[in-house]
Every structure is written in C-alpha cells, then in structure tokens.
Amino acid sequence: MASPWTPERRELQRQVALRPRLWERSTGPKMEGGKRIVAQNAIKHGQRSRAAIERRQPLNAASRELRGLLDGLSI
C-alpha cells in the first residue's frame, strides 16, 4: 500500500522529529550502580547471553573438528 504522505509532507515530519534533538541531552546512567547494570546489557541479551554461548559451543567444536578433517584430505 502506498504511503498517503507526499515527499514534502514526509520531509516536514522529519524536520519536526529532529527539532527536539533529544540525543544531545541523553547521558546514560550517572550513578556507579546504574553504570554497572547497563554494562551487562550486551551479555544479558542477544548473542552474548550465556544461553546463546552455551548453545554455540558444541557447534563450534564440531565445526573445528570438521575443518581439521577437511584440511587433512588431499583431493
């Protein structure tokens, strides 16, 4: 479905959204406790979570073993 906004309207909306410049006032946590908590975000969520790392370990080991076997073949 096509957007009902014209390119001019879209540009106006972009300028309105950029006006407050909130990213200039965003400083993150100020207290040491908050800094320690947010420093763990990458580990707690996503690909660096403990569960994700544990799921990948057997696959990585199998991949290394297979790569070693293939390197030993002379075709």
N, C-alpha and C. Protein backbone atom coordinates (compact mmCIF):
# COMPACT_ATOMS: atom_id res chain seq x y z
N MET A 1 0.84 -1.18 0.00
CA MET A 1 0.00 0.00 0.00
C MET A 1 0.88 1.24 0.00
N ALA A 2 0.61 2.16 -0.87
CA ALA A 2 1.41 3.37 -1.00
C ALA A 2 1.14 4.31 0.18
N SER A 3 2.16 5.03 0.57
CA SER A 3 2.02 5.99 1.66
C SER A 3 1.21 7.19 1.20
N PRO A 4 0.25 7.65 2.01
CA PRO A 4 -0.55 8.81 1.60
C PRO A 4 0.21 10.12 1.73
N TRP A 5 1.40 10.09 2.35
CA TRP A 5 2.16 11.32 2.53
C TRP A 5 2.93 11.67 1.27
N THR A 6 2.95 12.93 0.95
CA THR A 6 3.75 13.40 -0.17
C THR A 6 5.19 13.52 0.29
N PRO A 7 6.14 13.60 -0.63
CA PRO A 7 7.54 13.80 -0.21
C PRO A 7 7.72 15.07 0.62
N GLU A 8 6.96 16.11 0.33
CA GLU A 8 7.06 17.36 1.10
C GLU A 8 6.58 17.14 2.53
N ARG A 9 5.47 16.41 2.67
CA ARG A 9 4.92 16.13 4.00
C ARG A 9 5.89 15.25 4.79
N ARG A 10 6.49 14.29 4.13
CA ARG A 10 7.46 13.42 4.79
C ARG A 10 8.66 14.22 5.29
N GLU A 11 9.15 15.15 4.49
CA GLU A 11 10.29 15.99 4.88
C GLU A 11 9.92 16.89 6.05
N LEU A 12 8.70 17.44 6.04
CA LEU A 12 8.25 18.27 7.14
C LEU A 12 8.19 17.45 8.44
N GLN A 13 7.69 16.24 8.36
CA GLN A 13 7.61 15.37 9.53
C GLN A 13 9.00 15.02 10.04
N ARG A 14 9.95 14.81 9.13
CA ARG A 14 11.33 14.52 9.53
C ARG A 14 11.92 15.71 10.30
N GLN A 15 11.68 16.91 9.81
CA GLN A 15 12.20 18.10 10.48
C GLN A 15 11.58 18.29 11.86
N VAL A 16 10.28 18.00 11.99
CA VAL A 16 9.60 18.11 13.27
C VAL A 16 10.20 17.10 14.26
N ALA A 17 10.46 15.90 13.79
CA ALA A 17 11.01 14.86 14.67
C ALA A 17 12.43 15.20 15.12
N LEU A 18 13.18 15.88 14.29
CA LEU A 18 14.57 16.22 14.63
C LEU A 18 14.69 17.46 15.51
N ARG A 19 13.63 18.24 15.60
CA ARG A 19 13.68 19.51 16.31
C ARG A 19 14.09 19.40 17.78
N PRO A 20 13.57 18.47 18.56
CA PRO A 20 13.93 18.44 19.99
C PRO A 20 15.39 18.07 20.26
N ARG A 21 16.06 17.37 19.36
CA ARG A 21 17.47 16.97 19.50
C ARG A 21 17.73 16.28 20.83
N LEU A 22 16.89 15.30 21.13
CA LEU A 22 16.99 14.60 22.42
C LEU A 22 18.31 13.89 22.61
N TRP A 23 18.95 13.46 21.53
CA TRP A 23 20.22 12.74 21.65
C TRP A 23 21.32 13.59 22.25
N GLU A 24 21.17 14.92 22.20
CA GLU A 24 22.19 15.79 22.79
C GLU A 24 22.11 15.82 24.31
N ARG A 25 20.94 15.51 24.86
CA ARG A 25 20.77 15.53 26.32
C ARG A 25 20.82 14.13 26.94
N SER A 26 20.91 13.12 26.12
CA SER A 26 20.93 11.76 26.64
C SER A 26 22.33 11.46 27.17
N THR A 27 22.43 11.20 28.46
CA THR A 27 23.75 10.99 29.06
C THR A 27 23.93 9.59 29.60
N GLY A 28 22.88 8.79 29.62
CA GLY A 28 23.00 7.45 30.18
C GLY A 28 23.00 7.51 31.69
N PRO A 29 23.32 6.41 32.34
CA PRO A 29 23.29 6.36 33.81
C PRO A 29 24.41 7.21 34.40
N LYS A 30 24.11 7.84 35.52
CA LYS A 30 25.10 8.71 36.17
C LYS A 30 25.72 8.05 37.40
N MET A 31 24.98 7.17 38.06
CA MET A 31 25.49 6.55 39.29
C MET A 31 26.22 5.26 38.95
N GLU A 32 27.18 4.89 39.78
CA GLU A 32 28.00 3.71 39.54
C GLU A 32 27.17 2.44 39.43
N GLY A 33 26.16 2.31 40.27
CA GLY A 33 25.30 1.12 40.22
C GLY A 33 24.61 0.99 38.88
N GLY A 34 24.09 2.09 38.36
CA GLY A 34 23.42 2.08 37.06
C GLY A 34 24.40 1.77 35.93
N LYS A 35 25.61 2.29 36.05
CA LYS A 35 26.62 2.03 35.02
C LYS A 35 26.99 0.55 34.99
N ARG A 36 27.09 -0.06 36.17
CA ARG A 36 27.40 -1.49 36.22
C ARG A 36 26.29 -2.32 35.60
N ILE A 37 25.05 -1.92 35.85
CA ILE A 37 23.91 -2.68 35.32
C ILE A 37 23.87 -2.60 33.80
N VAL A 38 23.99 -1.40 33.23
CA VAL A 38 23.89 -1.28 31.77
C VAL A 38 25.11 -1.85 31.06
N ALA A 39 26.22 -1.96 31.76
CA ALA A 39 27.41 -2.56 31.15
C ALA A 39 27.18 -4.03 30.85
N GLN A 40 26.22 -4.65 31.51
CA GLN A 40 25.93 -6.07 31.31
C GLN A 40 24.87 -6.32 30.24
N ASN A 41 24.30 -5.28 29.64
CA ASN A 41 23.22 -5.46 28.67
C ASN A 41 23.63 -6.35 27.50
N ALA A 42 24.82 -6.17 26.98
CA ALA A 42 25.25 -6.96 25.82
C ALA A 42 25.41 -8.43 26.19
N ILE A 43 25.75 -8.71 27.43
CA ILE A 43 25.93 -10.08 27.87
C ILE A 43 24.59 -10.72 28.19
N LYS A 44 23.70 -9.94 28.76
CA LYS A 44 22.42 -10.46 29.23
C LYS A 44 21.46 -10.77 28.07
N HIS A 45 21.52 -10.00 27.03
CA HIS A 45 20.58 -10.13 25.92
C HIS A 45 21.33 -10.49 24.64
N GLY A 46 20.68 -11.18 23.75
CA GLY A 46 21.22 -11.38 22.42
C GLY A 46 22.29 -12.43 22.32
N GLN A 47 23.21 -12.23 21.40
CA GLN A 47 24.19 -13.25 21.05
C GLN A 47 25.26 -13.44 22.11
N ARG A 48 25.40 -12.53 23.03
CA ARG A 48 26.42 -12.70 24.06
C ARG A 48 25.82 -13.21 25.37
N SER A 49 24.56 -13.62 25.34
CA SER A 49 23.96 -14.16 26.55
C SER A 49 24.58 -15.52 26.84
N ARG A 50 24.53 -15.91 28.08
CA ARG A 50 25.12 -17.18 28.50
C ARG A 50 24.46 -18.33 27.75
N ALA A 51 23.14 -18.28 27.60
CA ALA A 51 22.42 -19.36 26.92
C ALA A 51 22.85 -19.47 25.45
N ALA A 52 23.02 -18.34 24.78
CA ALA A 52 23.42 -18.36 23.38
C ALA A 52 24.83 -18.91 23.22
N ILE A 53 25.71 -18.52 24.12
CA ILE A 53 27.10 -19.00 24.06
C ILE A 53 27.14 -20.51 24.29
N GLU A 54 26.36 -20.98 25.27
CA GLU A 54 26.35 -22.41 25.55
C GLU A 54 25.76 -23.21 24.40
N ARG A 55 24.78 -22.64 23.68
CA ARG A 55 24.22 -23.34 22.52
C ARG A 55 25.22 -23.43 21.39
N ARG A 56 26.07 -22.43 21.24
CA ARG A 56 27.03 -22.42 20.13
C ARG A 56 28.26 -23.28 20.38
N GLN A 57 28.62 -23.55 21.62
CA GLN A 57 29.86 -24.27 21.92
C GLN A 57 29.95 -25.62 21.23
N PRO A 58 28.92 -26.49 21.28
CA PRO A 58 29.05 -27.77 20.58
C PRO A 58 29.16 -27.60 19.06
N LEU A 59 28.45 -26.62 18.52
CA LEU A 59 28.53 -26.37 17.08
C LEU A 59 29.92 -25.89 16.69
N ASN A 60 30.50 -25.02 17.50
CA ASN A 60 31.84 -24.53 17.20
C ASN A 60 32.87 -25.66 17.27
N ALA A 61 32.73 -26.54 18.26
CA ALA A 61 33.66 -27.66 18.39
C ALA A 61 33.54 -28.60 17.19
N ALA A 62 32.31 -28.90 16.79
CA ALA A 62 32.10 -29.76 15.63
C ALA A 62 32.65 -29.12 14.37
N SER A 63 32.47 -27.84 14.24
CA SER A 63 32.97 -27.12 13.07
C SER A 63 34.50 -27.17 13.01
N ARG A 64 35.16 -26.99 14.16
CA ARG A 64 36.62 -27.07 14.19
C ARG A 64 37.10 -28.47 13.83
N GLU A 65 36.41 -29.48 14.34
CA GLU A 65 36.79 -30.86 14.04
C GLU A 65 36.62 -31.15 12.55
N LEU A 66 35.51 -30.73 11.98
CA LEU A 66 35.27 -30.95 10.56
C LEU A 66 36.30 -30.22 9.70
N ARG A 67 36.62 -29.00 10.09
CA ARG A 67 37.61 -28.22 9.35
C ARG A 67 38.97 -28.92 9.39
N GLY A 68 39.31 -29.50 10.55
CA GLY A 68 40.57 -30.23 10.68
C GLY A 68 40.59 -31.46 9.79
N LEU A 69 39.47 -32.18 9.72
CA LEU A 69 39.39 -33.36 8.86
C LEU A 69 39.51 -32.98 7.39
N LEU A 70 38.83 -31.91 7.01
CA LEU A 70 38.88 -31.48 5.61
C LEU A 70 40.26 -30.97 5.22
N ASP A 71 40.94 -30.32 6.15
CA ASP A 71 42.30 -29.84 5.86
C ASP A 71 43.25 -31.02 5.67
N GLY A 72 42.98 -32.16 6.32
CA GLY A 72 43.83 -33.34 6.21
C GLY A 72 43.63 -34.09 4.92
N LEU A 73 42.54 -33.85 4.23
CA LEU A 73 42.30 -34.54 2.96
C LEU A 73 43.09 -33.90 1.82
N SER A 74 43.61 -34.71 0.95
CA SER A 74 44.28 -34.15 -0.23
C SER A 74 43.50 -34.59 -1.45
N ILE A 75 42.74 -33.68 -1.99
CA ILE A 75 41.89 -34.00 -3.15
C ILE A 75 42.48 -33.36 -4.38
